[in-house]
């Protein structure tokens, strides 16, 4: 499946580490929608597709948006604008079965293996009943994404907009598995019997790597997201090596469950790369050669 990244308004240099990690997991079909002036920053990647956002239609969002354009050089505005460029791109080129990830979101699996998990709907992770964190979006085809663009409220941010659509359009990705005797009260939307892996909206990456230093200085590893319905500090995380690449897992009820992505809110993606992860404060290295029966794989 194709993976699409968008970097407009300003270039996030950690995007380079993101692409490097994608390639480690054999995710080679990568498109970056950005500004032509930023193409030079990505020259090390010979086989990725670079698309000039100015050649795409933003459906007048840039003119009509009422979102804040001053905070962090237009952060909230660009978070929504990227969805319009994303739709324009997949519509123009007839792209199907695409994954869009945010630039600070690392993926730890060959996404082609995920395709059987998805139905013909848009998938995103909800971290609360009324909030989506679009760190990872599956889009089956342009037509499935069209209602989101056509009904987008230009006064609301991307998280609020995506959360307002019901399950006929958007299916929530699991952020925690079904465990009968866990004490949390989970909404059914966050759990799937047929998906034996979980996705990070934001809270896992914030807990393991801390938050953006522009939000809060110092060492913020161990941060507990106040909005997320799951409090991940109750669980142990591990790096598990397989074929020279490390993937993150969470231990839940004596089962190791694979985490497909981590939203690295700190922007320190280099600490979480699969070939040599440096982060180990709240995520330990684990040798599973003697306990393979406890690992719950999604495939």
C-alpha atoms as a PDB file:
ATOM      1  CA  UNK A   1       0.000   0.000   0.000  1.00  0.00           C
ATOM      2  CA  UNK A   2       1.104   3.537  -0.690  1.00  0.00           C
ATOM      3  CA  UNK A   3       2.094   5.749   2.232  1.00  0.00           C
ATOM      4  CA  UNK A   4       1.461   9.477   1.844  1.00  0.00           C
ATOM      5  CA  UNK A   5       3.075  12.212   3.922  1.00  0.00           C
ATOM      6  CA  UNK A   6       2.332  15.933   3.723  1.00  0.00           C
ATOM      7  CA  UNK A   7       4.676  18.761   4.703  1.00  0.00           C
ATOM      8  CA  UNK A   8       3.397  22.215   3.789  1.00  0.00           C
ATOM      9  CA  UNK A   9       3.891  25.666   5.251  1.00  0.00           C
ATOM     10  CA  UNK A  10       7.180  24.671   6.833  1.00  0.00           C
ATOM     11  CA  UNK A  11       9.435  21.656   6.484  1.00  0.00           C
ATOM     12  CA  UNK A  12       9.777  19.301   9.440  1.00  0.00           C
ATOM     13  CA  UNK A  13      13.278  17.831   9.251  1.00  0.00           C
ATOM     14  CA  UNK A  14      12.290  14.808  11.331  1.00  0.00           C
ATOM     15  CA  UNK A  15      10.327  13.698   8.268  1.00  0.00           C
ATOM     16  CA  UNK A  16      13.650  12.358   6.991  1.00  0.00           C
ATOM     17  CA  UNK A  17      13.902   9.938   9.929  1.00  0.00           C
ATOM     18  CA  UNK A  18      10.286   8.947   9.325  1.00  0.00           C
ATOM     19  CA  UNK A  19      11.010   7.923   5.738  1.00  0.00           C
ATOM     20  CA  UNK A  20      14.170   6.087   6.743  1.00  0.00           C
ATOM     21  CA  UNK A  21      12.160   4.013   9.199  1.00  0.00           C
ATOM     22  CA  UNK A  22       9.468   3.311   6.608  1.00  0.00           C
ATOM     23  CA  UNK A  23      12.124   1.910   4.287  1.00  0.00           C
ATOM     24  CA  UNK A  24      13.485  -0.329   7.048  1.00  0.00           C
ATOM     25  CA  UNK A  25      10.107  -2.088   7.086  1.00  0.00           C
ATOM     26  CA  UNK A  26       9.946  -2.449   3.312  1.00  0.00           C
ATOM     27  CA  UNK A  27       7.496   0.419   2.885  1.00  0.00           C
ATOM     28  CA  UNK A  28       8.957   1.653  -0.378  1.00  0.00           C
ATOM     29  CA  UNK A  29       5.892   3.141  -2.075  1.00  0.00           C
ATOM     30  CA  UNK A  30       6.123   6.569  -0.439  1.00  0.00           C
ATOM     31  CA  UNK A  31       4.742   9.894  -1.659  1.00  0.00           C
ATOM     32  CA  UNK A  32       5.526  13.241  -0.050  1.00  0.00           C
ATOM     33  CA  UNK A  33       3.251  16.186  -0.818  1.00  0.00           C
ATOM     34  CA  UNK A  34       5.236  19.298  -0.061  1.00  0.00           C
ATOM     35  CA  UNK A  35       6.463  22.564  -1.530  1.00  0.00           C
ATOM     36  CA  UNK A  36       8.922  22.505  -4.409  1.00  0.00           C
ATOM     37  CA  UNK A  37      11.415  24.508  -2.352  1.00  0.00           C
ATOM     38  CA  UNK A  38      11.608  21.572   0.059  1.00  0.00           C
ATOM     39  CA  UNK A  39      12.380  18.897  -2.539  1.00  0.00           C
ATOM     40  CA  UNK A  40      16.117  19.350  -1.944  1.00  0.00           C
ATOM     41  CA  UNK A  41      15.796  18.158   1.662  1.00  0.00           C
ATOM     42  CA  UNK A  42      14.648  14.745   0.441  1.00  0.00           C
ATOM     43  CA  UNK A  43      17.272  14.116  -2.225  1.00  0.00           C
ATOM     44  CA  UNK A  44      18.734  11.131  -0.372  1.00  0.00           C
ATOM     45  CA  UNK A  45      15.584   9.156  -1.198  1.00  0.00           C
ATOM     46  CA  UNK A  46      15.841   8.298  -4.877  1.00  0.00           C
ATOM     47  CA  UNK A  47      12.642   6.293  -5.190  1.00  0.00           C
ATOM     48  CA  UNK A  48      10.038   8.356  -3.355  1.00  0.00           C
ATOM     49  CA  UNK A  49       7.464  10.406  -5.232  1.00  0.00           C
ATOM     50  CA  UNK A  50       7.549  14.161  -4.595  1.00  0.00           C
ATOM     51  CA  UNK A  51       4.405  16.156  -5.359  1.00  0.00           C
ATOM     52  CA  UNK A  52       4.330  19.956  -5.388  1.00  0.00           C
ATOM     53  CA  UNK A  53       1.314  20.958  -3.309  1.00  0.00           C
ATOM     54  CA  UNK A  54       0.828  24.019  -5.529  1.00  0.00           C
ATOM     55  CA  UNK A  55      -0.166  21.676  -8.347  1.00  0.00           C
ATOM     56  CA  UNK A  56      -3.005  20.239  -6.261  1.00  0.00           C
ATOM     57  CA  UNK A  57      -6.447  21.638  -5.510  1.00  0.00           C
ATOM     58  CA  UNK A  58      -7.117  22.816  -1.952  1.00  0.00           C
ATOM     59  CA  UNK A  59     -10.816  23.386  -2.735  1.00  0.00           C
ATOM     60  CA  UNK A  60     -10.483  26.978  -1.467  1.00  0.00           C
ATOM     61  CA  UNK A  61      -9.712  25.803   2.052  1.00  0.00           C
ATOM     62  CA  UNK A  62      -6.671  28.072   2.297  1.00  0.00           C
ATOM     63  CA  UNK A  63      -8.848  31.119   1.622  1.00  0.00           C
ATOM     64  CA  UNK A  64     -11.869  30.059   3.649  1.00  0.00           C
ATOM     65  CA  UNK A  65     -10.222  28.565   6.735  1.00  0.00           C
ATOM     66  CA  UNK A  66     -11.009  30.305  10.007  1.00  0.00           C
ATOM     67  CA  UNK A  67      -8.372  28.358  11.909  1.00  0.00           C
ATOM     68  CA  UNK A  68      -5.497  29.991  13.785  1.00  0.00           C
ATOM     69  CA  UNK A  69      -2.667  30.902  11.383  1.00  0.00           C
ATOM     70  CA  UNK A  70      -0.359  32.429  13.991  1.00  0.00           C
ATOM     71  CA  UNK A  71       0.293  29.661  16.520  1.00  0.00           C
ATOM     72  CA  UNK A  72       3.532  27.916  15.500  1.00  0.00           C
ATOM     73  CA  UNK A  73       3.545  29.360  11.995  1.00  0.00           C
ATOM     74  CA  UNK A  74       0.019  28.217  11.229  1.00  0.00           C
ATOM     75  CA  UNK A  75       0.041  24.772  12.826  1.00  0.00           C
ATOM     76  CA  UNK A  76      -3.741  24.369  13.143  1.00  0.00           C
ATOM     77  CA  UNK A  77      -4.401  25.707   9.664  1.00  0.00           C
ATOM     78  CA  UNK A  78      -1.867  23.404   8.020  1.00  0.00           C
ATOM     79  CA  UNK A  79      -3.085  20.349   9.946  1.00  0.00           C
ATOM     80  CA  UNK A  80      -6.408  20.692   8.140  1.00  0.00           C
ATOM     81  CA  UNK A  81      -5.059  21.965   4.815  1.00  0.00           C
ATOM     82  CA  UNK A  82      -3.048  18.755   4.419  1.00  0.00           C
ATOM     83  CA  UNK A  83      -6.277  16.729   4.302  1.00  0.00           C
ATOM     84  CA  UNK A  84      -7.471  18.723   1.304  1.00  0.00           C
ATOM     85  CA  UNK A  85      -4.183  18.221  -0.524  1.00  0.00           C
ATOM     86  CA  UNK A  86      -4.336  14.552   0.413  1.00  0.00           C
ATOM     87  CA  UNK A  87      -7.801  14.192  -1.087  1.00  0.00           C
ATOM     88  CA  UNK A  88      -6.836  16.143  -4.197  1.00  0.00           C
ATOM     89  CA  UNK A  89      -3.867  13.848  -4.758  1.00  0.00           C
ATOM     90  CA  UNK A  90      -5.677  10.536  -4.338  1.00  0.00           C
ATOM     91  CA  UNK A  91      -8.561  11.784  -6.471  1.00  0.00           C
ATOM     92  CA  UNK A  92      -6.361  13.058  -9.300  1.00  0.00           C
ATOM     93  CA  UNK A  93      -4.282   9.900  -9.510  1.00  0.00           C
ATOM     94  CA  UNK A  94      -6.967   7.375  -8.565  1.00  0.00           C
ATOM     95  CA  UNK A  95      -5.060   6.133  -5.543  1.00  0.00           C
ATOM     96  CA  UNK A  96      -6.617   3.254  -3.604  1.00  0.00           C
ATOM     97  CA  UNK A  97      -5.630   1.504  -0.371  1.00  0.00           C
ATOM     98  CA  UNK A  98      -3.485   4.362   0.899  1.00  0.00           C
ATOM     99  CA  UNK A  99      -2.071   5.119   4.319  1.00  0.00           C
ATOM    100  CA  UNK A 100      -1.534   8.698   5.462  1.00  0.00           C
ATOM    101  CA  UNK A 101       0.641   9.227   8.515  1.00  0.00           C
ATOM    102  CA  UNK A 102       1.602  12.389  10.300  1.00  0.00           C
ATOM    103  CA  UNK A 103       5.213  13.422   9.951  1.00  0.00           C
ATOM    104  CA  UNK A 104       6.030  12.596  13.578  1.00  0.00           C
ATOM    105  CA  UNK A 105       4.435   9.143  13.419  1.00  0.00           C
ATOM    106  CA  UNK A 106       6.690   6.129  12.955  1.00  0.00           C
ATOM    107  CA  UNK A 107       5.347   2.882  11.474  1.00  0.00           C
ATOM    108  CA  UNK A 108       6.799  -0.449  12.595  1.00  0.00           C
ATOM    109  CA  UNK A 109       5.336  -2.855  10.070  1.00  0.00           C
ATOM    110  CA  UNK A 110       5.137  -3.492   6.352  1.00  0.00           C
ATOM    111  CA  UNK A 111       1.754  -1.872   5.746  1.00  0.00           C
ATOM    112  CA  UNK A 112       0.896  -4.362   3.005  1.00  0.00           C
ATOM    113  CA  UNK A 113       0.387  -6.878   5.825  1.00  0.00           C
ATOM    114  CA  UNK A 114      -2.297  -4.644   7.320  1.00  0.00           C
ATOM    115  CA  UNK A 115      -4.535  -4.561   4.261  1.00  0.00           C
ATOM    116  CA  UNK A 116      -6.634  -7.644   5.238  1.00  0.00           C
ATOM    117  CA  UNK A 117      -7.582  -5.880   8.483  1.00  0.00           C
ATOM    118  CA  UNK A 118      -9.427  -3.055   6.760  1.00  0.00           C
ATOM    119  CA  UNK A 119     -12.918  -2.912   5.306  1.00  0.00           C
ATOM    120  CA  UNK A 120     -14.012  -0.422   2.660  1.00  0.00           C
ATOM    121  CA  UNK A 121     -14.008   2.521   5.082  1.00  0.00           C
ATOM    122  CA  UNK A 122     -11.710   5.243   6.334  1.00  0.00           C
ATOM    123  CA  UNK A 123      -9.907   4.173   9.531  1.00  0.00           C
ATOM    124  CA  UNK A 124      -8.400   6.498  12.150  1.00  0.00           C
ATOM    125  CA  UNK A 125      -7.582   6.176  15.871  1.00  0.00           C
ATOM    126  CA  UNK A 126      -9.938   7.834  18.356  1.00  0.00           C
ATOM    127  CA  UNK A 127      -8.388   8.495  21.764  1.00  0.00           C
ATOM    128  CA  UNK A 128     -11.693   9.628  23.260  1.00  0.00           C
ATOM    129  CA  UNK A 129     -15.354   9.398  22.304  1.00  0.00           C
ATOM    130  CA  UNK A 130     -15.258  12.785  20.594  1.00  0.00           C
ATOM    131  CA  UNK A 131     -11.653  13.183  19.474  1.00  0.00           C
ATOM    132  CA  UNK A 132      -9.660  11.723  16.620  1.00  0.00           C
ATOM    133  CA  UNK A 133      -5.886  11.984  16.452  1.00  0.00           C
ATOM    134  CA  UNK A 134      -5.208  11.497  12.715  1.00  0.00           C
ATOM    135  CA  UNK A 135      -1.705  10.143  13.218  1.00  0.00           C
ATOM    136  CA  UNK A 136      -2.551   7.136  11.024  1.00  0.00           C
ATOM    137  CA  UNK A 137      -5.321   7.126   8.404  1.00  0.00           C
ATOM    138  CA  UNK A 138      -6.310   4.305   6.077  1.00  0.00           C
ATOM    139  CA  UNK A 139      -8.164   5.465   2.946  1.00  0.00           C
ATOM    140  CA  UNK A 140      -9.578   2.742   0.673  1.00  0.00           C
ATOM    141  CA  UNK A 141     -10.386   5.073  -2.226  1.00  0.00           C
ATOM    142  CA  UNK A 142     -11.053   8.753  -3.025  1.00  0.00           C
ATOM    143  CA  UNK A 143     -14.833   8.310  -2.870  1.00  0.00           C
ATOM    144  CA  UNK A 144     -14.656   7.200   0.765  1.00  0.00           C
ATOM    145  CA  UNK A 145     -12.791  10.390   1.698  1.00  0.00           C
ATOM    146  CA  UNK A 146     -14.962  12.762  -0.330  1.00  0.00           C
ATOM    147  CA  UNK A 147     -17.742  13.213   2.304  1.00  0.00           C
ATOM    148  CA  UNK A 148     -15.136  14.259   4.855  1.00  0.00           C
ATOM    149  CA  UNK A 149     -13.849  17.008   2.589  1.00  0.00           C
ATOM    150  CA  UNK A 150     -17.273  18.125   1.386  1.00  0.00           C
ATOM    151  CA  UNK A 151     -18.634  18.393   4.945  1.00  0.00           C
ATOM    152  CA  UNK A 152     -15.526  19.822   6.576  1.00  0.00           C
ATOM    153  CA  UNK A 153     -16.236  22.563   9.097  1.00  0.00           C
ATOM    154  CA  UNK A 154     -13.619  25.235   8.465  1.00  0.00           C
ATOM    155  CA  UNK A 155     -14.030  26.581  12.003  1.00  0.00           C
ATOM    156  CA  UNK A 156     -12.992  23.302  13.634  1.00  0.00           C
ATOM    157  CA  UNK A 157      -9.599  21.630  13.711  1.00  0.00           C
ATOM    158  CA  UNK A 158      -8.796  18.297  12.090  1.00  0.00           C
ATOM    159  CA  UNK A 159      -9.314  16.269  15.279  1.00  0.00           C
ATOM    160  CA  UNK A 160     -12.774  17.698  15.867  1.00  0.00           C
ATOM    161  CA  UNK A 161     -13.817  17.400  12.232  1.00  0.00           C
ATOM    162  CA  UNK A 162     -12.913  13.741  11.861  1.00  0.00           C
ATOM    163  CA  UNK A 163     -14.568  12.828  15.157  1.00  0.00           C
ATOM    164  CA  UNK A 164     -17.977  14.113  14.070  1.00  0.00           C
ATOM    165  CA  UNK A 165     -18.478  11.450  11.388  1.00  0.00           C
ATOM    166  CA  UNK A 166     -20.229   8.226  12.337  1.00  0.00           C
ATOM    167  CA  UNK A 167     -19.101   4.672  11.681  1.00  0.00           C
ATOM    168  CA  UNK A 168     -20.751   4.567   8.280  1.00  0.00           C
ATOM    169  CA  UNK A 169     -17.841   6.744   7.099  1.00  0.00           C
ATOM    170  CA  UNK A 170     -15.040   6.376   9.632  1.00  0.00           C
ATOM    171  CA  UNK A 171     -14.113   3.229  11.520  1.00  0.00           C
ATOM    172  CA  UNK A 172     -12.014   3.676  14.681  1.00  0.00           C
ATOM    173  CA  UNK A 173      -8.704   1.849  14.862  1.00  0.00           C
ATOM    174  CA  UNK A 174      -8.094  -0.109  18.075  1.00  0.00           C
ATOM    175  CA  UNK A 175      -5.968   1.681  20.663  1.00  0.00           C
ATOM    176  CA  UNK A 176      -6.362  -1.187  23.143  1.00  0.00           C
ATOM    177  CA  UNK A 177      -7.376  -4.860  22.798  1.00  0.00           C
ATOM    178  CA  UNK A 178     -10.412  -6.501  24.357  1.00  0.00           C
ATOM    179  CA  UNK A 179      -9.440  -7.946  27.742  1.00  0.00           C
ATOM    180  CA  UNK A 180     -12.427  -9.055  29.821  1.00  0.00           C
ATOM    181  CA  UNK A 181     -10.997  -8.506  33.271  1.00  0.00           C
ATOM    182  CA  UNK A 182      -9.287  -5.177  32.662  1.00  0.00           C
ATOM    183  CA  UNK A 183     -10.976  -2.585  34.876  1.00  0.00           C
ATOM    184  CA  UNK A 184     -11.220   0.190  32.287  1.00  0.00           C
ATOM    185  CA  UNK A 185     -14.572   0.977  30.715  1.00  0.00           C
ATOM    186  CA  UNK A 186     -13.876   0.948  27.011  1.00  0.00           C
ATOM    187  CA  UNK A 187     -16.153   2.076  24.247  1.00  0.00           C
ATOM    188  CA  UNK A 188     -16.698  -0.753  21.764  1.00  0.00           C
ATOM    189  CA  UNK A 189     -15.213   1.419  19.037  1.00  0.00           C
ATOM    190  CA  UNK A 190     -11.738   1.031  20.443  1.00  0.00           C
ATOM    191  CA  UNK A 191     -11.605  -2.753  20.343  1.00  0.00           C
ATOM    192  CA  UNK A 192     -11.614  -5.404  17.651  1.00  0.00           C
ATOM    193  CA  UNK A 193     -11.606  -9.146  18.039  1.00  0.00           C
ATOM    194  CA  UNK A 194     -10.248  -9.515  14.527  1.00  0.00           C
ATOM    195  CA  UNK A 195      -7.333  -7.067  14.871  1.00  0.00           C
ATOM    196  CA  UNK A 196      -4.666  -8.435  17.195  1.00  0.00           C
ATOM    197  CA  UNK A 197      -2.569  -5.298  17.214  1.00  0.00           C
ATOM    198  CA  UNK A 198      -3.079  -1.734  18.360  1.00  0.00           C
ATOM    199  CA  UNK A 199      -2.430   1.760  17.015  1.00  0.00           C
ATOM    200  CA  UNK A 200      -1.135   4.844  18.763  1.00  0.00           C
ATOM    201  CA  UNK A 201      -3.242   7.967  18.482  1.00  0.00           C
ATOM    202  CA  UNK A 202      -0.765  10.016  20.522  1.00  0.00           C
ATOM    203  CA  UNK A 203      -0.712   8.915  24.159  1.00  0.00           C
ATOM    204  CA  UNK A 204       1.713   5.995  23.833  1.00  0.00           C
ATOM    205  CA  UNK A 205       4.309   8.056  22.022  1.00  0.00           C
ATOM    206  CA  UNK A 206       3.861  10.850  24.549  1.00  0.00           C
ATOM    207  CA  UNK A 207       4.322   8.458  27.454  1.00  0.00           C
ATOM    208  CA  UNK A 208       7.414   6.805  26.001  1.00  0.00           C
ATOM    209  CA  UNK A 209       9.120   9.827  24.458  1.00  0.00           C
ATOM    210  CA  UNK A 210       7.617  12.849  26.169  1.00  0.00           C
ATOM    211  CA  UNK A 211       5.890  15.821  24.590  1.00  0.00           C
ATOM    212  CA  UNK A 212       7.062  18.554  22.264  1.00  0.00           C
ATOM    213  CA  UNK A 213       9.527  20.732  24.151  1.00  0.00           C
ATOM    214  CA  UNK A 214       7.678  23.781  22.875  1.00  0.00           C
ATOM    215  CA  UNK A 215       4.748  22.601  25.002  1.00  0.00           C
ATOM    216  CA  UNK A 216       6.722  21.772  28.113  1.00  0.00           C
ATOM    217  CA  UNK A 217      10.435  21.885  28.840  1.00  0.00           C
ATOM    218  CA  UNK A 218      12.565  19.342  30.646  1.00  0.00           C
ATOM    219  CA  UNK A 219      12.276  15.561  30.600  1.00  0.00           C
ATOM    220  CA  UNK A 220       8.595  14.825  29.985  1.00  0.00           C
ATOM    221  CA  UNK A 221       8.927  11.095  29.378  1.00  0.00           C
ATOM    222  CA  UNK A 222       6.209   9.380  31.369  1.00  0.00           C
ATOM    223  CA  UNK A 223       3.677  12.019  30.307  1.00  0.00           C
ATOM    224  CA  UNK A 224       0.071  10.884  30.767  1.00  0.00           C
ATOM    225  CA  UNK A 225      -2.313  12.268  28.177  1.00  0.00           C
ATOM    226  CA  UNK A 226      -5.177  13.838  30.078  1.00  0.00           C
ATOM    227  CA  UNK A 227      -7.769  13.258  27.339  1.00  0.00           C
ATOM    228  CA  UNK A 228      -6.989   9.725  26.186  1.00  0.00           C
ATOM    229  CA  UNK A 229      -9.406   7.163  27.606  1.00  0.00           C
ATOM    230  CA  UNK A 230      -6.528   4.706  28.143  1.00  0.00           C
ATOM    231  CA  UNK A 231      -3.799   5.444  30.686  1.00  0.00           C
ATOM    232  CA  UNK A 232      -0.799   3.599  29.313  1.00  0.00           C
ATOM    233  CA  UNK A 233       1.377   4.184  32.371  1.00  0.00           C
ATOM    234  CA  UNK A 234      -0.334   1.114  33.877  1.00  0.00           C
ATOM    235  CA  UNK A 235       1.430  -1.138  31.372  1.00  0.00           C
ATOM    236  CA  UNK A 236       4.951  -2.205  30.460  1.00  0.00           C
ATOM    237  CA  UNK A 237       6.394  -1.565  27.001  1.00  0.00           C
ATOM    238  CA  UNK A 238       9.136  -3.512  25.240  1.00  0.00           C
ATOM    239  CA  UNK A 239      11.356  -3.352  22.188  1.00  0.00           C
ATOM    240  CA  UNK A 240      11.374  -6.816  20.602  1.00  0.00           C
ATOM    241  CA  UNK A 241      13.870  -7.666  17.880  1.00  0.00           C
ATOM    242  CA  UNK A 242      12.969  -9.719  14.833  1.00  0.00           C
ATOM    243  CA  UNK A 243      15.266 -10.056  11.834  1.00  0.00           C
ATOM    244  CA  UNK A 244      17.484  -7.218  13.071  1.00  0.00           C
ATOM    245  CA  UNK A 245      14.611  -4.747  13.444  1.00  0.00           C
ATOM    246  CA  UNK A 246      13.009  -3.694  16.716  1.00  0.00           C
ATOM    247  CA  UNK A 247       9.259  -3.248  17.092  1.00  0.00           C
ATOM    248  CA  UNK A 248       7.319  -1.875  20.076  1.00  0.00           C
ATOM    249  CA  UNK A 249       5.024  -4.110  22.121  1.00  0.00           C
ATOM    250  CA  UNK A 250       2.835  -3.601  25.169  1.00  0.00           C
ATOM    251  CA  UNK A 251       2.325  -6.257  27.848  1.00  0.00           C
ATOM    252  CA  UNK A 252      -1.366  -6.692  28.701  1.00  0.00           C
ATOM    253  CA  UNK A 253      -2.636  -9.560  30.836  1.00  0.00           C
ATOM    254  CA  UNK A 254       0.541 -11.588  30.194  1.00  0.00           C
ATOM    255  CA  UNK A 255       0.238 -11.085  26.437  1.00  0.00           C
ATOM    256  CA  UNK A 256       2.606  -9.052  24.313  1.00  0.00           C
ATOM    257  CA  UNK A 257       0.583  -7.083  21.772  1.00  0.00           C
ATOM    258  CA  UNK A 258       2.204  -5.440  18.779  1.00  0.00           C
ATOM    259  CA  UNK A 259       2.002  -1.650  18.399  1.00  0.00           C
ATOM    260  CA  UNK A 260       1.852  -0.717  14.721  1.00  0.00           C
ATOM    261  CA  UNK A 261       2.850   2.937  15.056  1.00  0.00           C
ATOM    262  CA  UNK A 262       4.118   5.429  17.600  1.00  0.00           C
ATOM    263  CA  UNK A 263       3.215   9.110  17.486  1.00  0.00           C
ATOM    264  CA  UNK A 264       6.481  10.719  18.582  1.00  0.00           C
ATOM    265  CA  UNK A 265       5.125  13.985  19.946  1.00  0.00           C
ATOM    266  CA  UNK A 266       8.598  15.019  21.164  1.00  0.00           C
ATOM    267  CA  UNK A 267       9.711  15.110  17.494  1.00  0.00           C
ATOM    268  CA  UNK A 268      12.800  13.107  18.502  1.00  0.00           C
ATOM    269  CA  UNK A 269      12.136  10.372  15.979  1.00  0.00           C
ATOM    270  CA  UNK A 270      15.808   9.415  15.818  1.00  0.00           C
ATOM    271  CA  UNK A 271      15.458   7.830  19.275  1.00  0.00           C
ATOM    272  CA  UNK A 272      12.790   5.395  18.052  1.00  0.00           C
ATOM    273  CA  UNK A 273      14.164   4.031  14.761  1.00  0.00           C
ATOM    274  CA  UNK A 274      13.814   0.278  14.306  1.00  0.00           C
ATOM    275  CA  UNK A 275      17.415  -0.486  13.406  1.00  0.00           C
ATOM    276  CA  UNK A 276      18.789   0.981  16.626  1.00  0.00           C
ATOM    277  CA  UNK A 277      16.225   2.433  19.040  1.00  0.00           C
ATOM    278  CA  UNK A 278      17.861   4.642  21.650  1.00  0.00           C
ATOM    279  CA  UNK A 279      14.858   5.262  23.906  1.00  0.00           C
ATOM    280  CA  UNK A 280      14.649   2.878  26.870  1.00  0.00           C
ATOM    281  CA  UNK A 281      13.353   4.728  29.937  1.00  0.00           C
ATOM    282  CA  UNK A 282       9.805   3.358  29.790  1.00  0.00           C
ATOM    283  CA  UNK A 283      10.346   0.827  27.003  1.00  0.00           C
ATOM    284  CA  UNK A 284      12.856  -1.951  27.638  1.00  0.00           C
ATOM    285  CA  UNK A 285      14.656  -4.354  25.345  1.00  0.00           C
ATOM    286  CA  UNK A 286      13.231  -7.854  25.664  1.00  0.00           C
ATOM    287  CA  UNK A 287      14.658 -11.143  24.411  1.00  0.00           C
ATOM    288  CA  UNK A 288      11.655 -13.303  23.507  1.00  0.00           C
ATOM    289  CA  UNK A 289      13.528 -16.354  22.301  1.00  0.00           C
ATOM    290  CA  UNK A 290      12.387 -18.216  25.441  1.00  0.00           C
ATOM    291  CA  UNK A 291       8.802 -16.907  25.652  1.00  0.00           C
ATOM    292  CA  UNK A 292       7.490 -16.778  22.111  1.00  0.00           C
ATOM    293  CA  UNK A 293       4.186 -18.278  23.199  1.00  0.00           C
ATOM    294  CA  UNK A 294       3.293 -15.042  25.027  1.00  0.00           C
ATOM    295  CA  UNK A 295       3.589 -12.841  21.960  1.00  0.00           C
ATOM    296  CA  UNK A 296       0.294 -11.910  20.340  1.00  0.00           C
ATOM    297  CA  UNK A 297       0.956 -11.106  16.700  1.00  0.00           C
ATOM    298  CA  UNK A 298      -1.542  -9.454  14.408  1.00  0.00           C
ATOM    299  CA  UNK A 299      -0.688 -11.769  11.505  1.00  0.00           C
END
